[in-house]
Amino acid sequence: MRRFLSQFAIAITALFALTVTSDAHDFWIEPTLFQPETGDRTGFNLRVGQNFSGETLPWVPEWFIDYRVIGPDGAKPVRAVIGDIPAGGFTPDKDALYMVGYLSRADLADLEPEKFNTYLQKEGLEHALEARIAAGNENTQGLEYYSRCAKSLIKGGSGADTTVLSEVIGYPLEIIPLNNPYTLTDNTLKIRILYDDKPLSGLAVFVVNAADPENQQRINTDAAGEASLVIDSKGTWLIKAVHIYEIDNPYADWESYWASLTFRL
């Protein structure tokens, strides 16, 4: 059985490798229930694509470094069987907020020059595009190691206990909500973005609603790594940001971290 599961994991990896690495894509956690009642199980769909459309990935432990649910009583790993979709889940047992976190292993993307340049422009990474042009590399392949740092905020029952709301998981790039999106009074969600546990200024943050994914807000973080986002309608929301920098590596010229945060009103 163990040998079969290992072969199955390899087959799944091969099946999704092209989808995940051949182009720039968002990665987000989309629970089956964002606001379950206590005692109701919610599953975790791991989604990769663009504009809330794409593939749903299975639970494959070789793909992630960390995958956990954090609640008022601490953190528990998300467990499942290889190949499961949804990729695990949990049952809230308290009226509290819960945070799901997923940190992927680094993978290598090899993009055509034009596609890589377009991705840099689209994700607000103009500094990287300018560096490529200045070095005369705008017509070279885009070789990039990337990692996913995804989070999702779930409201269990009334969500009265908000202990985990602004808790720092410790991912390389992390979006921290500074107020509760489930109880907004002025349609403004404040966030802080940390890179290596330090505020990251000047980073482009994009805000997307599943009902109108083509209409995206862009806000750059301030000197404290913070930004105020307009959350003015119901539905599933995705907040995302990418941090990229040049590296000295025989296999890649760039390394990036993709952070995301989801919730549903």
C-alpha atoms as a PDB file:
ATOM      1  CA  MET A   1       0.000   0.000   0.000  1.00  0.00           C
ATOM      2  CA  ARG A   2       2.779   2.449   0.897  1.00  0.00           C
ATOM      3  CA  ARG A   3       4.494   1.792  -2.436  1.00  0.00           C
ATOM      4  CA  PHE A   4       1.207   2.368  -4.265  1.00  0.00           C
ATOM      5  CA  LEU A   5       0.655   5.688  -2.492  1.00  0.00           C
ATOM      6  CA  SER A   6       4.172   6.809  -3.366  1.00  0.00           C
ATOM      7  CA  GLN A   7       3.603   5.973  -7.040  1.00  0.00           C
ATOM      8  CA  PHE A   8       0.249   7.775  -6.889  1.00  0.00           C
ATOM      9  CA  ALA A   9       1.927  10.894  -5.484  1.00  0.00           C
ATOM     10  CA  ILE A  10       4.477  10.845  -8.304  1.00  0.00           C
ATOM     11  CA  ALA A  11       1.700  10.499 -10.877  1.00  0.00           C
ATOM     12  CA  ILE A  12      -0.245  13.407  -9.362  1.00  0.00           C
ATOM     13  CA  THR A  13       2.891  15.555  -9.283  1.00  0.00           C
ATOM     14  CA  ALA A  14       3.506  14.872 -12.962  1.00  0.00           C
ATOM     15  CA  LEU A  15      -0.129  15.608 -13.810  1.00  0.00           C
ATOM     16  CA  PHE A  16      -0.156  19.049 -12.191  1.00  0.00           C
ATOM     17  CA  ALA A  17       3.467  20.093 -12.770  1.00  0.00           C
ATOM     18  CA  LEU A  18       2.747  21.782 -16.112  1.00  0.00           C
ATOM     19  CA  THR A  19      -0.251  23.661 -14.736  1.00  0.00           C
ATOM     20  CA  VAL A  20       1.573  24.948 -11.680  1.00  0.00           C
ATOM     21  CA  THR A  21       4.957  25.874 -13.170  1.00  0.00           C
ATOM     22  CA  SER A  22       4.355  26.792 -16.794  1.00  0.00           C
ATOM     23  CA  ASP A  23       2.826  30.206 -16.136  1.00  0.00           C
ATOM     24  CA  ALA A  24       2.347  32.828 -13.439  1.00  0.00           C
ATOM     25  CA  HIS A  25      -0.690  31.883 -11.365  1.00  0.00           C
ATOM     26  CA  ASP A  26      -2.363  32.867  -8.145  1.00  0.00           C
ATOM     27  CA  PHE A  27      -2.554  30.312  -5.376  1.00  0.00           C
ATOM     28  CA  TRP A  28      -5.220  30.536  -2.688  1.00  0.00           C
ATOM     29  CA  ILE A  29      -7.118  28.479  -0.120  1.00  0.00           C
ATOM     30  CA  GLU A  30     -10.849  28.295  -0.739  1.00  0.00           C
ATOM     31  CA  PRO A  31     -12.663  26.479   2.089  1.00  0.00           C
ATOM     32  CA  THR A  32     -15.920  24.725   1.278  1.00  0.00           C
ATOM     33  CA  LEU A  33     -17.389  26.725   4.191  1.00  0.00           C
ATOM     34  CA  PHE A  34     -15.823  30.013   5.237  1.00  0.00           C
ATOM     35  CA  GLN A  35     -18.340  30.447   8.070  1.00  0.00           C
ATOM     36  CA  PRO A  36     -19.178  26.976   9.394  1.00  0.00           C
ATOM     37  CA  GLU A  37     -21.207  26.489  12.542  1.00  0.00           C
ATOM     38  CA  THR A  38     -19.389  24.805  15.401  1.00  0.00           C
ATOM     39  CA  GLY A  39     -19.474  21.086  14.766  1.00  0.00           C
ATOM     40  CA  ASP A  40     -19.718  21.483  10.974  1.00  0.00           C
ATOM     41  CA  ARG A  41     -16.755  20.299   8.935  1.00  0.00           C
ATOM     42  CA  THR A  42     -15.218  22.505   6.247  1.00  0.00           C
ATOM     43  CA  GLY A  43     -12.835  21.239   3.579  1.00  0.00           C
ATOM     44  CA  PHE A  44      -9.860  23.107   2.144  1.00  0.00           C
ATOM     45  CA  ASN A  45      -9.649  23.522  -1.617  1.00  0.00           C
ATOM     46  CA  LEU A  46      -6.138  24.465  -2.719  1.00  0.00           C
ATOM     47  CA  ARG A  47      -6.656  26.541  -5.828  1.00  0.00           C
ATOM     48  CA  VAL A  48      -4.190  27.614  -8.522  1.00  0.00           C
ATOM     49  CA  GLY A  49      -5.216  29.798 -11.445  1.00  0.00           C
ATOM     50  CA  GLN A  50      -6.217  33.346 -12.216  1.00  0.00           C
ATOM     51  CA  ASN A  51      -9.280  35.469 -11.509  1.00  0.00           C
ATOM     52  CA  PHE A  52     -10.761  32.776  -9.247  1.00  0.00           C
ATOM     53  CA  SER A  53     -10.679  30.229 -12.073  1.00  0.00           C
ATOM     54  CA  GLY A  54      -8.282  27.310 -12.371  1.00  0.00           C
ATOM     55  CA  GLU A  55      -7.322  23.934 -10.950  1.00  0.00           C
ATOM     56  CA  THR A  56      -8.016  22.426  -7.536  1.00  0.00           C
ATOM     57  CA  LEU A  57      -4.935  20.671  -6.207  1.00  0.00           C
ATOM     58  CA  PRO A  58      -4.904  17.504  -4.077  1.00  0.00           C
ATOM     59  CA  TRP A  59      -3.263  16.872  -0.724  1.00  0.00           C
ATOM     60  CA  VAL A  60       0.309  15.804  -1.510  1.00  0.00           C
ATOM     61  CA  PRO A  61       2.738  16.119   1.414  1.00  0.00           C
ATOM     62  CA  GLU A  62       5.755  16.416  -0.892  1.00  0.00           C
ATOM     63  CA  TRP A  63       4.370  19.744  -2.083  1.00  0.00           C
ATOM     64  CA  PHE A  64       4.341  21.640   1.200  1.00  0.00           C
ATOM     65  CA  ILE A  65       6.590  22.534   4.122  1.00  0.00           C
ATOM     66  CA  ASP A  66       3.783  23.607   6.441  1.00  0.00           C
ATOM     67  CA  TYR A  67       0.011  23.128   6.355  1.00  0.00           C
ATOM     68  CA  ARG A  68      -1.936  23.806   9.525  1.00  0.00           C
ATOM     69  CA  VAL A  69      -5.044  25.237  11.175  1.00  0.00           C
ATOM     70  CA  ILE A  70      -4.531  27.711  14.007  1.00  0.00           C
ATOM     71  CA  GLY A  71      -7.295  28.280  16.528  1.00  0.00           C
ATOM     72  CA  PRO A  72      -7.698  29.556  20.080  1.00  0.00           C
ATOM     73  CA  ASP A  73      -6.223  26.309  21.422  1.00  0.00           C
ATOM     74  CA  GLY A  74      -3.145  26.334  19.209  1.00  0.00           C
ATOM     75  CA  ALA A  75      -2.161  24.817  15.872  1.00  0.00           C
ATOM     76  CA  LYS A  76      -2.894  21.413  14.346  1.00  0.00           C
ATOM     77  CA  PRO A  77      -1.524  19.989  11.085  1.00  0.00           C
ATOM     78  CA  VAL A  78      -3.944  19.467   8.222  1.00  0.00           C
ATOM     79  CA  ARG A  79      -4.004  15.726   7.561  1.00  0.00           C
ATOM     80  CA  ALA A  80      -5.518  13.812   4.658  1.00  0.00           C
ATOM     81  CA  VAL A  81      -4.849  10.927   2.294  1.00  0.00           C
ATOM     82  CA  ILE A  82      -2.618  11.504  -0.725  1.00  0.00           C
ATOM     83  CA  GLY A  83      -4.755  12.673  -3.613  1.00  0.00           C
ATOM     84  CA  ASP A  84      -7.660  13.962  -1.504  1.00  0.00           C
ATOM     85  CA  ILE A  85      -9.695  16.856  -2.892  1.00  0.00           C
ATOM     86  CA  PRO A  86     -10.554  18.890  -0.861  1.00  0.00           C
ATOM     87  CA  ALA A  87      -7.028  18.685   0.527  1.00  0.00           C
ATOM     88  CA  GLY A  88      -8.044  18.026   4.110  1.00  0.00           C
ATOM     89  CA  GLY A  89     -10.187  20.129   6.393  1.00  0.00           C
ATOM     90  CA  PHE A  90     -11.298  20.563   9.995  1.00  0.00           C
ATOM     91  CA  THR A  91     -14.307  20.996  12.281  1.00  0.00           C
ATOM     92  CA  PRO A  92     -14.411  24.125  14.479  1.00  0.00           C
ATOM     93  CA  ASP A  93     -15.377  23.351  18.031  1.00  0.00           C
ATOM     94  CA  LYS A  94     -15.515  26.915  19.345  1.00  0.00           C
ATOM     95  CA  ASP A  95     -17.073  30.243  18.409  1.00  0.00           C
ATOM     96  CA  ALA A  96     -13.791  31.615  17.131  1.00  0.00           C
ATOM     97  CA  LEU A  97     -11.745  32.699  14.183  1.00  0.00           C
ATOM     98  CA  TYR A  98      -9.436  30.084  12.695  1.00  0.00           C
ATOM     99  CA  MET A  99      -6.519  30.644  10.341  1.00  0.00           C
ATOM    100  CA  VAL A 100      -5.442  28.054   7.774  1.00  0.00           C
ATOM    101  CA  GLY A 101      -1.862  28.333   6.553  1.00  0.00           C
ATOM    102  CA  TYR A 102      -0.076  26.601   3.670  1.00  0.00           C
ATOM    103  CA  LEU A 103       3.607  27.074   2.816  1.00  0.00           C
ATOM    104  CA  SER A 104       4.695  25.288  -0.353  1.00  0.00           C
ATOM    105  CA  ARG A 105       8.103  23.939  -1.203  1.00  0.00           C
ATOM    106  CA  ALA A 106      10.055  26.025  -3.686  1.00  0.00           C
ATOM    107  CA  ASP A 107       9.589  25.127  -7.332  1.00  0.00           C
ATOM    108  CA  LEU A 108      11.278  26.310 -10.525  1.00  0.00           C
ATOM    109  CA  ALA A 109       9.445  28.213 -13.257  1.00  0.00           C
ATOM    110  CA  ASP A 110      10.902  28.653 -16.729  1.00  0.00           C
ATOM    111  CA  LEU A 111       8.919  31.261 -18.669  1.00  0.00           C
ATOM    112  CA  GLU A 112       9.280  32.636 -22.167  1.00  0.00           C
ATOM    113  CA  PRO A 113      10.781  36.169 -22.119  1.00  0.00           C
ATOM    114  CA  GLU A 114       7.592  37.963 -23.140  1.00  0.00           C
ATOM    115  CA  LYS A 115       5.459  35.946 -20.736  1.00  0.00           C
ATOM    116  CA  PHE A 116       7.875  36.592 -17.856  1.00  0.00           C
ATOM    117  CA  ASN A 117       7.963  40.336 -18.568  1.00  0.00           C
ATOM    118  CA  THR A 118       4.171  40.455 -18.715  1.00  0.00           C
ATOM    119  CA  TYR A 119       3.908  38.620 -15.405  1.00  0.00           C
ATOM    120  CA  LEU A 120       6.281  41.104 -13.739  1.00  0.00           C
ATOM    121  CA  GLN A 121       4.228  44.011 -15.024  1.00  0.00           C
ATOM    122  CA  LYS A 122       0.891  42.462 -14.057  1.00  0.00           C
ATOM    123  CA  GLU A 123       1.951  41.587 -10.505  1.00  0.00           C
ATOM    124  CA  GLY A 124       3.297  45.055  -9.746  1.00  0.00           C
ATOM    125  CA  LEU A 125       6.943  43.980  -9.949  1.00  0.00           C
ATOM    126  CA  GLU A 126       8.088  46.861 -12.139  1.00  0.00           C
ATOM    127  CA  HIS A 127      11.425  47.067 -10.355  1.00  0.00           C
ATOM    128  CA  ALA A 128      12.303  43.558 -11.534  1.00  0.00           C
ATOM    129  CA  LEU A 129      11.281  44.338 -15.101  1.00  0.00           C
ATOM    130  CA  GLU A 130      13.340  47.531 -15.024  1.00  0.00           C
ATOM    131  CA  ALA A 131      16.333  45.547 -13.748  1.00  0.00           C
ATOM    132  CA  ARG A 132      15.977  43.059 -16.620  1.00  0.00           C
ATOM    133  CA  ILE A 133      15.829  45.866 -19.162  1.00  0.00           C
ATOM    134  CA  ALA A 134      18.776  47.722 -17.605  1.00  0.00           C
ATOM    135  CA  ALA A 135      20.875  44.543 -17.774  1.00  0.00           C
ATOM    136  CA  GLY A 136      19.797  43.835 -21.334  1.00  0.00           C
ATOM    137  CA  ASN A 137      18.057  40.617 -20.252  1.00  0.00           C
ATOM    138  CA  GLU A 138      14.491  41.419 -21.272  1.00  0.00           C
ATOM    139  CA  ASN A 139      14.704  38.859 -24.097  1.00  0.00           C
ATOM    140  CA  THR A 140      16.039  36.009 -21.944  1.00  0.00           C
ATOM    141  CA  GLN A 141      14.079  33.221 -20.278  1.00  0.00           C
ATOM    142  CA  GLY A 142      12.536  33.995 -16.904  1.00  0.00           C
ATOM    143  CA  LEU A 143      14.073  31.453 -14.528  1.00  0.00           C
ATOM    144  CA  GLU A 144      12.535  31.774 -11.087  1.00  0.00           C
ATOM    145  CA  TYR A 145      12.270  29.811  -7.868  1.00  0.00           C
ATOM    146  CA  TYR A 146       8.896  30.513  -6.279  1.00  0.00           C
ATOM    147  CA  SER A 147       7.097  29.529  -3.069  1.00  0.00           C
ATOM    148  CA  ARG A 148       3.463  29.945  -2.008  1.00  0.00           C
ATOM    149  CA  CYS A 149       2.524  31.463   1.365  1.00  0.00           C
ATOM    150  CA  ALA A 150      -1.256  31.095   1.535  1.00  0.00           C
ATOM    151  CA  LYS A 151      -3.674  31.812   4.387  1.00  0.00           C
ATOM    152  CA  SER A 152      -7.440  31.719   4.831  1.00  0.00           C
ATOM    153  CA  LEU A 153      -9.504  33.195   7.652  1.00  0.00           C
ATOM    154  CA  ILE A 154     -12.473  31.090   8.757  1.00  0.00           C
ATOM    155  CA  LYS A 155     -15.242  32.207  11.109  1.00  0.00           C
ATOM    156  CA  GLY A 156     -16.376  29.350  13.325  1.00  0.00           C
ATOM    157  CA  GLY A 157     -19.859  29.938  14.752  1.00  0.00           C
ATOM    158  CA  SER A 158     -20.155  33.511  15.990  1.00  0.00           C
ATOM    159  CA  GLY A 159     -16.385  34.037  15.707  1.00  0.00           C
ATOM    160  CA  ALA A 160     -16.362  35.681  19.109  1.00  0.00           C
ATOM    161  CA  ASP A 161     -12.798  34.622  19.979  1.00  0.00           C
ATOM    162  CA  THR A 162     -10.482  36.576  17.665  1.00  0.00           C
ATOM    163  CA  THR A 163      -7.208  35.472  19.263  1.00  0.00           C
ATOM    164  CA  VAL A 164      -5.673  34.245  15.994  1.00  0.00           C
ATOM    165  CA  LEU A 165      -6.666  37.241  13.866  1.00  0.00           C
ATOM    166  CA  SER A 166      -3.301  39.017  13.814  1.00  0.00           C
ATOM    167  CA  GLU A 167      -1.144  36.065  14.802  1.00  0.00           C
ATOM    168  CA  VAL A 168       2.060  35.760  12.789  1.00  0.00           C
ATOM    169  CA  ILE A 169       2.591  32.249  11.456  1.00  0.00           C
ATOM    170  CA  GLY A 170       6.160  32.994  10.389  1.00  0.00           C
ATOM    171  CA  TYR A 171       5.976  32.384   6.631  1.00  0.00           C
ATOM    172  CA  PRO A 172       8.658  34.098   4.486  1.00  0.00           C
ATOM    173  CA  LEU A 173       6.019  36.491   3.078  1.00  0.00           C
ATOM    174  CA  GLU A 174       2.871  36.921   5.124  1.00  0.00           C
ATOM    175  CA  ILE A 175      -0.282  39.028   4.997  1.00  0.00           C
ATOM    176  CA  ILE A 176      -1.475  39.965   8.499  1.00  0.00           C
ATOM    177  CA  PRO A 177      -5.029  41.328   8.933  1.00  0.00           C
ATOM    178  CA  LEU A 178      -5.028  44.109  11.520  1.00  0.00           C
ATOM    179  CA  ASN A 179      -8.811  44.215  11.958  1.00  0.00           C
ATOM    180  CA  ASN A 180     -11.522  41.619  11.535  1.00  0.00           C
ATOM    181  CA  PRO A 181     -12.968  41.449   7.989  1.00  0.00           C
ATOM    182  CA  TYR A 182     -16.078  39.711   9.353  1.00  0.00           C
ATOM    183  CA  THR A 183     -16.995  42.738  11.499  1.00  0.00           C
ATOM    184  CA  LEU A 184     -16.018  45.709   9.327  1.00  0.00           C
ATOM    185  CA  THR A 185     -17.953  48.895  10.035  1.00  0.00           C
ATOM    186  CA  ASP A 186     -16.386  51.245   7.476  1.00  0.00           C
ATOM    187  CA  ASN A 187     -15.547  48.884   4.574  1.00  0.00           C
ATOM    188  CA  THR A 188     -11.844  49.228   5.357  1.00  0.00           C
ATOM    189  CA  LEU A 189      -9.560  46.290   6.093  1.00  0.00           C
ATOM    190  CA  LYS A 190      -6.106  47.156   7.323  1.00  0.00           C
ATOM    191  CA  ILE A 191      -3.251  44.744   6.706  1.00  0.00           C
ATOM    192  CA  ARG A 192       0.473  44.492   7.338  1.00  0.00           C
ATOM    193  CA  ILE A 193       2.844  42.516   5.129  1.00  0.00           C
ATOM    194  CA  LEU A 194       5.949  40.950   6.600  1.00  0.00           C
ATOM    195  CA  TYR A 195       8.958  39.552   4.784  1.00  0.00           C
ATOM    196  CA  ASP A 196      11.267  37.530   7.024  1.00  0.00           C
ATOM    197  CA  ASP A 197       9.214  38.857   9.962  1.00  0.00           C
ATOM    198  CA  LYS A 198       9.927  42.487   9.044  1.00  0.00           C
ATOM    199  CA  PRO A 199       7.522  45.035   7.501  1.00  0.00           C
ATOM    200  CA  LEU A 200       7.888  45.266   3.718  1.00  0.00           C
ATOM    201  CA  SER A 201       7.275  48.716   2.243  1.00  0.00           C
ATOM    202  CA  GLY A 202       6.428  49.613  -1.335  1.00  0.00           C
ATOM    203  CA  LEU A 203       4.968  46.200  -2.139  1.00  0.00           C
ATOM    204  CA  ALA A 204       2.037  46.037  -4.551  1.00  0.00           C
ATOM    205  CA  VAL A 205      -1.040  44.474  -2.954  1.00  0.00           C
ATOM    206  CA  PHE A 206      -4.010  43.396  -5.073  1.00  0.00           C
ATOM    207  CA  VAL A 207      -7.559  42.936  -3.802  1.00  0.00           C
ATOM    208  CA  VAL A 208      -9.974  40.746  -5.762  1.00  0.00           C
ATOM    209  CA  ASN A 209     -13.624  39.793  -5.308  1.00  0.00           C
ATOM    210  CA  ALA A 210     -14.790  36.543  -6.943  1.00  0.00           C
ATOM    211  CA  ALA A 211     -17.916  38.270  -8.265  1.00  0.00           C
ATOM    212  CA  ASP A 212     -15.855  40.737 -10.314  1.00  0.00           C
ATOM    213  CA  PRO A 213     -12.315  39.343 -10.606  1.00  0.00           C
ATOM    214  CA  GLU A 214     -11.294  41.585 -13.509  1.00  0.00           C
ATOM    215  CA  ASN A 215     -11.809  44.692 -11.362  1.00  0.00           C
ATOM    216  CA  GLN A 216      -8.853  44.628  -8.963  1.00  0.00           C
ATOM    217  CA  GLN A 217      -7.673  47.192  -6.463  1.00  0.00           C
ATOM    218  CA  ARG A 218      -3.945  47.880  -6.249  1.00  0.00           C
ATOM    219  CA  ILE A 219      -2.435  49.490  -3.165  1.00  0.00           C
ATOM    220  CA  ASN A 220       1.246  49.767  -2.242  1.00  0.00           C
ATOM    221  CA  THR A 221       2.304  49.204   1.355  1.00  0.00           C
ATOM    222  CA  ASP A 222       3.584  52.187   3.307  1.00  0.00           C
ATOM    223  CA  ALA A 223       6.799  52.526   5.317  1.00  0.00           C
ATOM    224  CA  ALA A 224       5.315  50.328   8.057  1.00  0.00           C
ATOM    225  CA  GLY A 225       4.406  47.618   5.549  1.00  0.00           C
ATOM    226  CA  GLU A 226       0.729  48.477   5.959  1.00  0.00           C
ATOM    227  CA  ALA A 227      -2.150  49.195   3.583  1.00  0.00           C
ATOM    228  CA  SER A 228      -5.857  50.029   3.879  1.00  0.00           C
ATOM    229  CA  LEU A 229      -8.086  47.993   1.548  1.00  0.00           C
ATOM    230  CA  VAL A 230     -11.647  48.677   0.464  1.00  0.00           C
ATOM    231  CA  ILE A 231     -13.893  45.677   1.219  1.00  0.00           C
ATOM    232  CA  ASP A 232     -17.302  46.933   0.157  1.00  0.00           C
ATOM    233  CA  SER A 233     -19.369  43.940  -0.973  1.00  0.00           C
ATOM    234  CA  LYS A 234     -20.285  40.386  -0.100  1.00  0.00           C
ATOM    235  CA  GLY A 235     -18.625  37.320  -1.565  1.00  0.00           C
ATOM    236  CA  THR A 236     -15.195  35.687  -1.547  1.00  0.00           C
ATOM    237  CA  TRP A 237     -12.227  38.034  -1.280  1.00  0.00           C
ATOM    238  CA  LEU A 238      -8.606  37.363  -2.206  1.00  0.00           C
ATOM    239  CA  ILE A 239      -5.751  39.596  -1.098  1.00  0.00           C
ATOM    240  CA  LYS A 240      -2.461  38.809  -2.790  1.00  0.00           C
ATOM    241  CA  ALA A 241       1.092  40.092  -3.148  1.00  0.00           C
ATOM    242  CA  VAL A 242       4.372  38.916  -4.686  1.00  0.00           C
ATOM    243  CA  HIS A 243       7.889  39.737  -3.528  1.00  0.00           C
ATOM    244  CA  ILE A 244      10.714  38.996  -5.982  1.00  0.00           C
ATOM    245  CA  TYR A 245      14.459  39.614  -5.970  1.00  0.00           C
ATOM    246  CA  GLU A 246      17.516  38.594  -7.961  1.00  0.00           C
ATOM    247  CA  ILE A 247      19.650  35.670  -6.804  1.00  0.00           C
ATOM    248  CA  ASP A 248      23.020  34.202  -7.691  1.00  0.00           C
ATOM    249  CA  ASN A 249      22.082  30.625  -8.558  1.00  0.00           C
ATOM    250  CA  PRO A 250      23.097  28.250 -11.385  1.00  0.00           C
ATOM    251  CA  TYR A 251      19.452  27.329 -12.064  1.00  0.00           C
ATOM    252  CA  ALA A 252      17.523  30.569 -11.604  1.00  0.00           C
ATOM    253  CA  ASP A 253      18.000  34.336 -11.738  1.00  0.00           C
ATOM    254  CA  TRP A 254      15.111  35.231  -9.432  1.00  0.00           C
ATOM    255  CA  GLU A 255      13.389  34.044  -6.281  1.00  0.00           C
ATOM    256  CA  SER A 256       9.849  34.991  -5.346  1.00  0.00           C
ATOM    257  CA  TYR A 257       7.299  34.482  -2.598  1.00  0.00           C
ATOM    258  CA  TRP A 258       3.565  34.668  -3.315  1.00  0.00           C
ATOM    259  CA  ALA A 259       1.339  35.535  -0.354  1.00  0.00           C
ATOM    260  CA  SER A 260      -2.440  35.301  -0.269  1.00  0.00           C
ATOM    261  CA  LEU A 261      -5.277  35.706   2.212  1.00  0.00           C
ATOM    262  CA  THR A 262      -8.911  34.718   1.636  1.00  0.00           C
ATOM    263  CA  PHE A 263     -12.196  35.199   3.480  1.00  0.00           C
ATOM    264  CA  ARG A 264     -15.873  35.324   2.519  1.00  0.00           C
ATOM    265  CA  LEU A 265     -18.506  37.840   3.634  1.00  0.00           C
END
